[in-house]
């Protein structure tokens, strides 16, 4: 049995324009995801600095594991909307997303 690569499978089913469109959408999605992670991380770091909040204090306030809070601070967490809402509520901020 011959095993096809995923790329070959796509090329058999989609034309080059479709593949390019999918790749572009995936790249934009990744960039937006990373920007959101970075924005949230910056907000949390600024909040901690402005309010003299230590790492352990934030862990306690959030009720999350130290590993999860560390990922948030580093901009590496894959956050749910509920966790984002919790973070901004703790920081006393209302947030909304505006597309540009």
PDB file of N, CA and C in Angstrom:
ATOM      1  N   UNK A   1       0.842  -1.175   0.000  1.00  0.00           N
ATOM      2  CA  UNK A   1       0.000   0.000   0.000  1.00  0.00           C
ATOM      3  C   UNK A   1       0.890   1.243   0.000  1.00  0.00           C
ATOM      4  N   UNK A   2       0.617   2.149  -0.912  1.00  0.00           N
ATOM      5  CA  UNK A   2       1.396   3.383  -1.024  1.00  0.00           C
ATOM      6  C   UNK A   2       0.781   4.451  -0.118  1.00  0.00           C
ATOM      7  N   UNK A   3       1.616   5.090   0.676  1.00  0.00           N
ATOM      8  CA  UNK A   3       1.155   6.125   1.600  1.00  0.00           C
ATOM      9  C   UNK A   3       1.417   7.487   0.965  1.00  0.00           C
ATOM     10  N   UNK A   4       0.356   8.302   0.894  1.00  0.00           N
ATOM     11  CA  UNK A   4       0.486   9.650   0.351  1.00  0.00           C
ATOM     12  C   UNK A   4       0.780  10.626   1.473  1.00  0.00           C
ATOM     13  N   UNK A   5       1.570  11.618   1.150  1.00  0.00           N
ATOM     14  CA  UNK A   5       1.774  12.685   2.116  1.00  0.00           C
ATOM     15  C   UNK A   5       0.523  13.560   2.128  1.00  0.00           C
ATOM     16  N   UNK A   6       0.353  14.272   3.217  1.00  0.00           N
ATOM     17  CA  UNK A   6      -0.800  15.164   3.313  1.00  0.00           C
ATOM     18  C   UNK A   6      -0.752  16.221   2.221  1.00  0.00           C
ATOM     19  N   UNK A   7       0.434  16.738   1.955  1.00  0.00           N
ATOM     20  CA  UNK A   7       0.585  17.753   0.910  1.00  0.00           C
ATOM     21  C   UNK A   7       0.168  17.187  -0.445  1.00  0.00           C
ATOM     22  N   UNK A   8       0.573  15.966  -0.760  1.00  0.00           N
ATOM     23  CA  UNK A   8       0.204  15.335  -2.027  1.00  0.00           C
ATOM     24  C   UNK A   8      -1.304  15.124  -2.079  1.00  0.00           C
ATOM     25  N   UNK A   9      -1.883  14.714  -0.970  1.00  0.00           N
ATOM     26  CA  UNK A   9      -3.338  14.532  -0.891  1.00  0.00           C
ATOM     27  C   UNK A   9      -4.061  15.852  -1.202  1.00  0.00           C
ATOM     28  N   UNK A  10      -3.577  16.945  -0.615  1.00  0.00           N
ATOM     29  CA  UNK A  10      -4.180  18.256  -0.889  1.00  0.00           C
ATOM     30  C   UNK A  10      -4.045  18.633  -2.358  1.00  0.00           C
ATOM     31  N   UNK A  11      -2.863  18.400  -2.907  1.00  0.00           N
ATOM     32  CA  UNK A  11      -2.626  18.758  -4.309  1.00  0.00           C
ATOM     33  C   UNK A  11      -3.535  17.973  -5.244  1.00  0.00           C
ATOM     34  N   UNK A  12      -3.871  16.733  -4.866  1.00  0.00           N
ATOM     35  CA  UNK A  12      -4.782  15.922  -5.677  1.00  0.00           C
ATOM     36  C   UNK A  12      -6.220  16.432  -5.598  1.00  0.00           C
ATOM     37  N   UNK A  13      -6.591  17.058  -4.487  1.00  0.00           N
ATOM     38  CA  UNK A  13      -7.987  17.465  -4.255  1.00  0.00           C
ATOM     39  C   UNK A  13      -8.243  18.958  -4.487  1.00  0.00           C
ATOM     40  N   UNK A  14      -7.198  19.775  -4.367  1.00  0.00           N
ATOM     41  CA  UNK A  14      -7.366  21.225  -4.479  1.00  0.00           C
ATOM     42  C   UNK A  14      -6.438  21.776  -5.548  1.00  0.00           C
ATOM     43  N   UNK A  15      -6.839  22.913  -6.110  1.00  0.00           N
ATOM     44  CA  UNK A  15      -5.931  23.552  -7.062  1.00  0.00           C
ATOM     45  C   UNK A  15      -4.944  24.439  -6.298  1.00  0.00           C
ATOM     46  N   UNK A  16      -3.950  24.949  -7.003  1.00  0.00           N
ATOM     47  CA  UNK A  16      -2.887  25.733  -6.358  1.00  0.00           C
ATOM     48  C   UNK A  16      -3.426  26.989  -5.686  1.00  0.00           C
ATOM     49  N   UNK A  17      -4.440  27.605  -6.272  1.00  0.00           N
ATOM     50  CA  UNK A  17      -5.017  28.816  -5.684  1.00  0.00           C
ATOM     51  C   UNK A  17      -5.699  28.497  -4.354  1.00  0.00           C
ATOM     52  N   UNK A  18      -6.414  27.365  -4.317  1.00  0.00           N
ATOM     53  CA  UNK A  18      -7.066  26.956  -3.063  1.00  0.00           C
ATOM     54  C   UNK A  18      -6.039  26.694  -1.974  1.00  0.00           C
ATOM     55  N   UNK A  19      -4.972  25.998  -2.329  1.00  0.00           N
ATOM     56  CA  UNK A  19      -3.915  25.694  -1.362  1.00  0.00           C
ATOM     57  C   UNK A  19      -3.267  26.981  -0.864  1.00  0.00           C
ATOM     58  N   UNK A  20      -2.996  27.908  -1.776  1.00  0.00           N
ATOM     59  CA  UNK A  20      -2.396  29.188  -1.386  1.00  0.00           C
ATOM     60  C   UNK A  20      -3.315  29.963  -0.451  1.00  0.00           C
ATOM     61  N   UNK A  21      -4.606  29.934  -0.728  1.00  0.00           N
ATOM     62  CA  UNK A  21      -5.582  30.631   0.119  1.00  0.00           C
ATOM     63  C   UNK A  21      -5.621  30.022   1.525  1.00  0.00           C
ATOM     64  N   UNK A  22      -5.590  28.705   1.604  1.00  0.00           N
ATOM     65  CA  UNK A  22      -5.593  28.020   2.896  1.00  0.00           C
ATOM     66  C   UNK A  22      -4.316  28.340   3.666  1.00  0.00           C
ATOM     67  N   UNK A  23      -3.182  28.313   2.987  1.00  0.00           N
ATOM     68  CA  UNK A  23      -1.909  28.616   3.638  1.00  0.00           C
ATOM     69  C   UNK A  23      -1.868  30.052   4.137  1.00  0.00           C
ATOM     70  N   UNK A  24      -2.398  30.987   3.349  1.00  0.00           N
ATOM     71  CA  UNK A  24      -2.431  32.387   3.765  1.00  0.00           C
ATOM     72  C   UNK A  24      -3.334  32.573   4.986  1.00  0.00           C
ATOM     73  N   UNK A  25      -4.500  31.931   4.964  1.00  0.00           N
ATOM     74  CA  UNK A  25      -5.420  32.032   6.102  1.00  0.00           C
ATOM     75  C   UNK A  25      -4.781  31.452   7.362  1.00  0.00           C
ATOM     76  N   UNK A  26      -4.069  30.344   7.221  1.00  0.00           N
ATOM     77  CA  UNK A  26      -3.397  29.732   8.371  1.00  0.00           C
ATOM     78  C   UNK A  26      -2.315  30.657   8.919  1.00  0.00           C
ATOM     79  N   UNK A  27      -1.580  31.311   8.043  1.00  0.00           N
ATOM     80  CA  UNK A  27      -0.531  32.236   8.481  1.00  0.00           C
ATOM     81  C   UNK A  27      -1.138  33.428   9.227  1.00  0.00           C
ATOM     82  N   UNK A  28      -2.226  33.979   8.705  1.00  0.00           N
ATOM     83  CA  UNK A  28      -2.898  35.102   9.365  1.00  0.00           C
ATOM     84  C   UNK A  28      -3.427  34.658  10.727  1.00  0.00           C
ATOM     85  N   UNK A  29      -4.034  33.482  10.779  1.00  0.00           N
ATOM     86  CA  UNK A  29      -4.548  32.960  12.047  1.00  0.00           C
ATOM     87  C   UNK A  29      -3.434  32.842  13.075  1.00  0.00           C
ATOM     88  N   UNK A  30      -2.284  32.321  12.670  1.00  0.00           N
ATOM     89  CA  UNK A  30      -1.147  32.198  13.585  1.00  0.00           C
ATOM     90  C   UNK A  30      -0.691  33.570  14.072  1.00  0.00           C
ATOM     91  N   UNK A  31      -0.587  34.538  13.165  1.00  0.00           N
ATOM     92  CA  UNK A  31      -0.135  35.883  13.539  1.00  0.00           C
ATOM     93  C   UNK A  31      -1.108  36.538  14.510  1.00  0.00           C
ATOM     94  N   UNK A  32      -2.408  36.401  14.271  1.00  0.00           N
ATOM     95  CA  UNK A  32      -3.415  36.983  15.164  1.00  0.00           C
ATOM     96  C   UNK A  32      -3.338  36.311  16.534  1.00  0.00           C
ATOM     97  N   UNK A  33      -3.221  35.005  16.538  1.00  0.00           N
ATOM     98  CA  UNK A  33      -3.109  34.257  17.792  1.00  0.00           C
ATOM     99  C   UNK A  33      -1.917  34.743  18.602  1.00  0.00           C
ATOM    100  N   UNK A  34      -0.777  34.889  17.945  1.00  0.00           N
ATOM    101  CA  UNK A  34       0.441  35.334  18.631  1.00  0.00           C
ATOM    102  C   UNK A  34       0.287  36.771  19.138  1.00  0.00           C
ATOM    103  N   UNK A  35      -0.342  37.643  18.343  1.00  0.00           N
ATOM    104  CA  UNK A  35      -0.556  39.025  18.793  1.00  0.00           C
ATOM    105  C   UNK A  35      -1.450  39.060  20.027  1.00  0.00           C
ATOM    106  N   UNK A  36      -2.502  38.239  20.038  1.00  0.00           N
ATOM    107  CA  UNK A  36      -3.377  38.188  21.213  1.00  0.00           C
ATOM    108  C   UNK A  36      -2.619  37.692  22.438  1.00  0.00           C
ATOM    109  N   UNK A  37      -1.821  36.632  22.274  1.00  0.00           N
ATOM    110  CA  UNK A  37      -1.014  36.140  23.391  1.00  0.00           C
ATOM    111  C   UNK A  37      -0.092  37.236  23.916  1.00  0.00           C
ATOM    112  N   UNK A  38       0.564  37.939  23.004  1.00  0.00           N
ATOM    113  CA  UNK A  38       1.507  38.991  23.408  1.00  0.00           C
ATOM    114  C   UNK A  38       0.797  40.152  24.089  1.00  0.00           C
ATOM    115  N   UNK A  39      -0.374  40.553  23.570  1.00  0.00           N
ATOM    116  CA  UNK A  39      -1.136  41.644  24.183  1.00  0.00           C
ATOM    117  C   UNK A  39      -1.570  41.280  25.603  1.00  0.00           C
ATOM    118  N   UNK A  40      -2.049  40.064  25.778  1.00  0.00           N
ATOM    119  CA  UNK A  40      -2.491  39.622  27.100  1.00  0.00           C
ATOM    120  C   UNK A  40      -1.304  39.539  28.056  1.00  0.00           C
ATOM    121  N   UNK A  41      -0.216  38.974  27.584  1.00  0.00           N
ATOM    122  CA  UNK A  41       0.997  38.882  28.399  1.00  0.00           C
ATOM    123  C   UNK A  41       1.457  40.269  28.843  1.00  0.00           C
ATOM    124  N   UNK A  42       1.507  41.215  27.914  1.00  0.00           N
ATOM    125  CA  UNK A  42       1.935  42.590  28.245  1.00  0.00           C
ATOM    126  C   UNK A  42       1.008  43.225  29.272  1.00  0.00           C
ATOM    127  N   UNK A  43      -0.296  43.010  29.109  1.00  0.00           N
ATOM    128  CA  UNK A  43      -1.264  43.563  30.064  1.00  0.00           C
ATOM    129  C   UNK A  43      -1.048  43.003  31.461  1.00  0.00           C
ATOM    130  N   UNK A  44      -0.818  41.707  31.550  1.00  0.00           N
ATOM    131  CA  UNK A  44      -0.616  41.057  32.848  1.00  0.00           C
ATOM    132  C   UNK A  44       0.687  41.539  33.484  1.00  0.00           C
ATOM    133  N   UNK A  45       1.750  41.599  32.710  1.00  0.00           N
ATOM    134  CA  UNK A  45       3.042  42.058  33.242  1.00  0.00           C
ATOM    135  C   UNK A  45       2.940  43.500  33.730  1.00  0.00           C
ATOM    136  N   UNK A  46       2.275  44.350  32.966  1.00  0.00           N
ATOM    137  CA  UNK A  46       2.092  45.751  33.367  1.00  0.00           C
ATOM    138  C   UNK A  46       1.258  45.844  34.648  1.00  0.00           C
ATOM    139  N   UNK A  47       0.176  45.066  34.724  1.00  0.00           N
ATOM    140  CA  UNK A  47      -0.674  45.036  35.915  1.00  0.00           C
ATOM    141  C   UNK A  47       0.140  44.621  37.146  1.00  0.00           C
ATOM    142  N   UNK A  48       0.937  43.573  36.987  1.00  0.00           N
ATOM    143  CA  UNK A  48       1.737  43.089  38.109  1.00  0.00           C
ATOM    144  C   UNK A  48       2.732  44.154  38.561  1.00  0.00           C
ATOM    145  N   UNK A  49       3.386  44.810  37.621  1.00  0.00           N
ATOM    146  CA  UNK A  49       4.373  45.846  37.967  1.00  0.00           C
ATOM    147  C   UNK A  49       3.704  47.057  38.602  1.00  0.00           C
ATOM    148  N   UNK A  50       2.605  47.518  38.016  1.00  0.00           N
ATOM    149  CA  UNK A  50       1.925  48.718  38.512  1.00  0.00           C
ATOM    150  C   UNK A  50       1.308  48.523  39.886  1.00  0.00           C
ATOM    151  N   UNK A  51       0.949  47.284  40.211  1.00  0.00           N
ATOM    152  CA  UNK A  51       0.241  47.015  41.464  1.00  0.00           C
ATOM    153  C   UNK A  51       1.063  46.195  42.460  1.00  0.00           C
ATOM    154  N   UNK A  52       2.354  46.052  42.165  1.00  0.00           N
ATOM    155  CA  UNK A  52       3.248  45.299  43.036  1.00  0.00           C
ATOM    156  C   UNK A  52       2.679  43.922  43.365  1.00  0.00           C
ATOM    157  N   UNK A  53       2.216  43.243  42.309  1.00  0.00           N
ATOM    158  CA  UNK A  53       1.649  41.900  42.444  1.00  0.00           C
ATOM    159  C   UNK A  53       2.732  40.894  42.059  1.00  0.00           C
ATOM    160  N   UNK A  54       3.027  39.976  42.932  1.00  0.00           N
ATOM    161  CA  UNK A  54       4.016  38.947  42.642  1.00  0.00           C
ATOM    162  C   UNK A  54       3.390  37.765  41.915  1.00  0.00           C
ATOM    163  N   UNK A  55       4.242  36.911  41.411  1.00  0.00           N
ATOM    164  CA  UNK A  55       3.795  35.734  40.676  1.00  0.00           C
ATOM    165  C   UNK A  55       2.853  34.882  41.514  1.00  0.00           C
ATOM    166  N   UNK A  56       3.241  34.590  42.749  1.00  0.00           N
ATOM    167  CA  UNK A  56       2.408  33.748  43.617  1.00  0.00           C
ATOM    168  C   UNK A  56       1.077  34.409  43.944  1.00  0.00           C
ATOM    169  N   UNK A  57       1.080  35.738  44.052  1.00  0.00           N
ATOM    170  CA  UNK A  57      -0.178  36.457  44.272  1.00  0.00           C
ATOM    171  C   UNK A  57      -1.120  36.261  43.088  1.00  0.00           C
ATOM    172  N   UNK A  58      -0.568  36.350  41.881  1.00  0.00           N
ATOM    173  CA  UNK A  58      -1.400  36.172  40.683  1.00  0.00           C
ATOM    174  C   UNK A  58      -1.914  34.740  40.587  1.00  0.00           C
ATOM    175  N   UNK A  59      -1.068  33.781  40.906  1.00  0.00           N
ATOM    176  CA  UNK A  59      -1.503  32.372  40.919  1.00  0.00           C
ATOM    177  C   UNK A  59      -2.688  32.211  41.857  1.00  0.00           C
ATOM    178  N   UNK A  60      -2.574  32.780  43.044  1.00  0.00           N
ATOM    179  CA  UNK A  60      -3.652  32.683  44.035  1.00  0.00           C
ATOM    180  C   UNK A  60      -4.923  33.366  43.549  1.00  0.00           C
ATOM    181  N   UNK A  61      -4.796  34.578  42.998  1.00  0.00           N
ATOM    182  CA  UNK A  61      -5.967  35.331  42.536  1.00  0.00           C
ATOM    183  C   UNK A  61      -6.685  34.597  41.403  1.00  0.00           C
ATOM    184  N   UNK A  62      -5.918  33.959  40.527  1.00  0.00           N
ATOM    185  CA  UNK A  62      -6.513  33.279  39.380  1.00  0.00           C
ATOM    186  C   UNK A  62      -7.016  31.885  39.710  1.00  0.00           C
ATOM    187  N   UNK A  63      -6.419  31.260  40.733  1.00  0.00           N
ATOM    188  CA  UNK A  63      -6.807  29.889  41.035  1.00  0.00           C
ATOM    189  C   UNK A  63      -6.345  28.921  39.954  1.00  0.00           C
ATOM    190  N   UNK A  64      -5.264  29.277  39.283  1.00  0.00           N
ATOM    191  CA  UNK A  64      -4.693  28.436  38.226  1.00  0.00           C
ATOM    192  C   UNK A  64      -3.371  27.859  38.715  1.00  0.00           C
ATOM    193  N   UNK A  65      -2.870  26.895  37.993  1.00  0.00           N
ATOM    194  CA  UNK A  65      -1.582  26.311  38.367  1.00  0.00           C
ATOM    195  C   UNK A  65      -0.459  27.302  38.061  1.00  0.00           C
ATOM    196  N   UNK A  66       0.638  27.203  38.802  1.00  0.00           N
ATOM    197  CA  UNK A  66       1.784  28.053  38.490  1.00  0.00           C
ATOM    198  C   UNK A  66       2.257  27.881  37.039  1.00  0.00           C
ATOM    199  N   UNK A  67       2.188  26.666  36.511  1.00  0.00           N
ATOM    200  CA  UNK A  67       2.610  26.428  35.127  1.00  0.00           C
ATOM    201  C   UNK A  67       1.734  27.203  34.146  1.00  0.00           C
ATOM    202  N   UNK A  68       0.422  27.208  34.392  1.00  0.00           N
ATOM    203  CA  UNK A  68      -0.487  27.931  33.497  1.00  0.00           C
ATOM    204  C   UNK A  68      -0.252  29.430  33.581  1.00  0.00           C
ATOM    205  N   UNK A  69      -0.083  29.962  34.773  1.00  0.00           N
ATOM    206  CA  UNK A  69       0.164  31.397  34.946  1.00  0.00           C
ATOM    207  C   UNK A  69       1.501  31.776  34.307  1.00  0.00           C
ATOM    208  N   UNK A  70       2.484  30.925  34.441  1.00  0.00           N
ATOM    209  CA  UNK A  70       3.776  31.171  33.812  1.00  0.00           C
ATOM    210  C   UNK A  70       3.636  31.259  32.294  1.00  0.00           C
ATOM    211  N   UNK A  71       2.846  30.359  31.709  1.00  0.00           N
ATOM    212  CA  UNK A  71       2.607  30.399  30.257  1.00  0.00           C
ATOM    213  C   UNK A  71       1.898  31.690  29.853  1.00  0.00           C
ATOM    214  N   UNK A  72       0.966  32.150  30.669  1.00  0.00           N
ATOM    215  CA  UNK A  72       0.250  33.401  30.381  1.00  0.00           C
ATOM    216  C   UNK A  72       1.239  34.559  30.361  1.00  0.00           C
ATOM    217  N   UNK A  73       2.072  34.627  31.372  1.00  0.00           N
ATOM    218  CA  UNK A  73       3.049  35.713  31.481  1.00  0.00           C
ATOM    219  C   UNK A  73       4.043  35.684  30.326  1.00  0.00           C
ATOM    220  N   UNK A  74       4.442  34.487  29.915  1.00  0.00           N
ATOM    221  CA  UNK A  74       5.400  34.349  28.809  1.00  0.00           C
ATOM    222  C   UNK A  74       4.758  34.528  27.434  1.00  0.00           C
ATOM    223  N   UNK A  75       3.423  34.627  27.380  1.00  0.00           N
ATOM    224  CA  UNK A  75       2.743  34.742  26.090  1.00  0.00           C
ATOM    225  C   UNK A  75       2.698  33.427  25.346  1.00  0.00           C
ATOM    226  N   UNK A  76       2.633  32.329  26.086  1.00  0.00           N
ATOM    227  CA  UNK A  76       2.627  31.001  25.474  1.00  0.00           C
ATOM    228  C   UNK A  76       1.347  30.223  25.724  1.00  0.00           C
ATOM    229  N   UNK A  77       0.402  30.802  26.463  1.00  0.00           N
ATOM    230  CA  UNK A  77      -0.807  30.073  26.839  1.00  0.00           C
ATOM    231  C   UNK A  77      -1.852  30.117  25.724  1.00  0.00           C
ATOM    232  N   UNK A  78      -2.555  29.010  25.580  1.00  0.00           N
ATOM    233  CA  UNK A  78      -3.699  28.948  24.679  1.00  0.00           C
ATOM    234  C   UNK A  78      -4.938  29.156  25.555  1.00  0.00           C
ATOM    235  N   UNK A  79      -5.354  30.403  25.673  1.00  0.00           N
ATOM    236  CA  UNK A  79      -6.369  30.783  26.650  1.00  0.00           C
ATOM    237  C   UNK A  79      -7.788  30.674  26.106  1.00  0.00           C
ATOM    238  N   UNK A  80      -8.691  30.291  26.994  1.00  0.00           N
ATOM    239  CA  UNK A  80     -10.108  30.333  26.653  1.00  0.00           C
ATOM    240  C   UNK A  80     -10.610  31.762  26.840  1.00  0.00           C
ATOM    241  N   UNK A  81     -11.742  32.063  26.247  1.00  0.00           N
ATOM    242  CA  UNK A  81     -12.339  33.385  26.460  1.00  0.00           C
ATOM    243  C   UNK A  81     -12.671  33.593  27.930  1.00  0.00           C
ATOM    244  N   UNK A  82     -13.066  32.525  28.614  1.00  0.00           N
ATOM    245  CA  UNK A  82     -13.384  32.633  30.041  1.00  0.00           C
ATOM    246  C   UNK A  82     -12.149  33.039  30.851  1.00  0.00           C
ATOM    247  N   UNK A  83     -11.000  32.473  30.524  1.00  0.00           N
ATOM    248  CA  UNK A  83      -9.778  32.830  31.244  1.00  0.00           C
ATOM    249  C   UNK A  83      -9.349  34.257  30.922  1.00  0.00           C
ATOM    250  N   UNK A  84      -9.513  34.663  29.672  1.00  0.00           N
ATOM    251  CA  UNK A  84      -9.198  36.047  29.304  1.00  0.00           C
ATOM    252  C   UNK A  84     -10.103  36.999  30.074  1.00  0.00           C
ATOM    253  N   UNK A  85     -11.379  36.695  30.145  1.00  0.00           N
ATOM    254  CA  UNK A  85     -12.320  37.533  30.892  1.00  0.00           C
ATOM    255  C   UNK A  85     -11.936  37.577  32.370  1.00  0.00           C
ATOM    256  N   UNK A  86     -11.556  36.436  32.927  1.00  0.00           N
ATOM    257  CA  UNK A  86     -11.134  36.377  34.332  1.00  0.00           C
ATOM    258  C   UNK A  86      -9.909  37.254  34.562  1.00  0.00           C
ATOM    259  N   UNK A  87      -8.936  37.158  33.695  1.00  0.00           N
ATOM    260  CA  UNK A  87      -7.717  37.958  33.831  1.00  0.00           C
ATOM    261  C   UNK A  87      -8.031  39.448  33.836  1.00  0.00           C
ATOM    262  N   UNK A  88      -8.801  39.892  32.860  1.00  0.00           N
ATOM    263  CA  UNK A  88      -9.082  41.323  32.767  1.00  0.00           C
ATOM    264  C   UNK A  88      -9.979  41.798  33.899  1.00  0.00           C
ATOM    265  N   UNK A  89     -10.848  40.936  34.407  1.00  0.00           N
ATOM    266  CA  UNK A  89     -11.654  41.300  35.579  1.00  0.00           C
ATOM    267  C   UNK A  89     -10.762  41.470  36.806  1.00  0.00           C
ATOM    268  N   UNK A  90      -9.806  40.570  36.982  1.00  0.00           N
ATOM    269  CA  UNK A  90      -8.853  40.687  38.095  1.00  0.00           C
ATOM    270  C   UNK A  90      -8.089  42.001  37.983  1.00  0.00           C
ATOM    271  N   UNK A  91      -7.723  42.367  36.753  1.00  0.00           N
ATOM    272  CA  UNK A  91      -6.956  43.594  36.539  1.00  0.00           C
ATOM    273  C   UNK A  91      -7.846  44.838  36.572  1.00  0.00           C
ATOM    274  N   UNK A  92      -9.170  44.638  36.650  1.00  0.00           N
ATOM    275  CA  UNK A  92     -10.096  45.769  36.701  1.00  0.00           C
ATOM    276  C   UNK A  92     -10.280  46.457  35.365  1.00  0.00           C
ATOM    277  N   UNK A  93     -10.114  45.710  34.285  1.00  0.00           N
ATOM    278  CA  UNK A  93     -10.247  46.274  32.934  1.00  0.00           C
ATOM    279  C   UNK A  93     -11.368  45.601  32.171  1.00  0.00           C
ATOM    280  N   UNK A  94     -12.005  46.379  31.352  1.00  0.00           N
ATOM    281  CA  UNK A  94     -12.941  45.827  30.366  1.00  0.00           C
ATOM    282  C   UNK A  94     -12.191  45.821  29.048  1.00  0.00           C
ATOM    283  N   UNK A  95     -12.389  44.774  28.289  1.00  0.00           N
ATOM    284  CA  UNK A  95     -11.644  44.636  27.050  1.00  0.00           C
ATOM    285  C   UNK A  95     -12.606  44.253  25.927  1.00  0.00           C
ATOM    286  N   UNK A  96     -12.285  44.705  24.735  1.00  0.00           N
ATOM    287  CA  UNK A  96     -13.018  44.284  23.552  1.00  0.00           C
ATOM    288  C   UNK A  96     -12.036  44.164  22.390  1.00  0.00           C
ATOM    289  N   UNK A  97     -12.377  43.339  21.458  1.00  0.00           N
ATOM    290  CA  UNK A  97     -11.505  43.115  20.309  1.00  0.00           C
ATOM    291  C   UNK A  97     -11.993  43.977  19.153  1.00  0.00           C
ATOM    292  N   UNK A  98     -11.058  44.715  18.575  1.00  0.00           N
ATOM    293  CA  UNK A  98     -11.368  45.535  17.410  1.00  0.00           C
ATOM    294  C   UNK A  98     -10.458  45.073  16.275  1.00  0.00           C
ATOM    295  N   UNK A  99     -11.055  44.676  15.177  1.00  0.00           N
ATOM    296  CA  UNK A  99     -10.260  44.227  14.034  1.00  0.00           C
ATOM    297  C   UNK A  99      -9.684  45.422  13.301  1.00  0.00           C
ATOM    298  N   UNK A 100      -8.480  45.240  12.803  1.00  0.00           N
ATOM    299  CA  UNK A 100      -7.858  46.312  12.026  1.00  0.00           C
ATOM    300  C   UNK A 100      -7.428  45.816  10.676  1.00  0.00           C
TER     301      UNK A 100
END
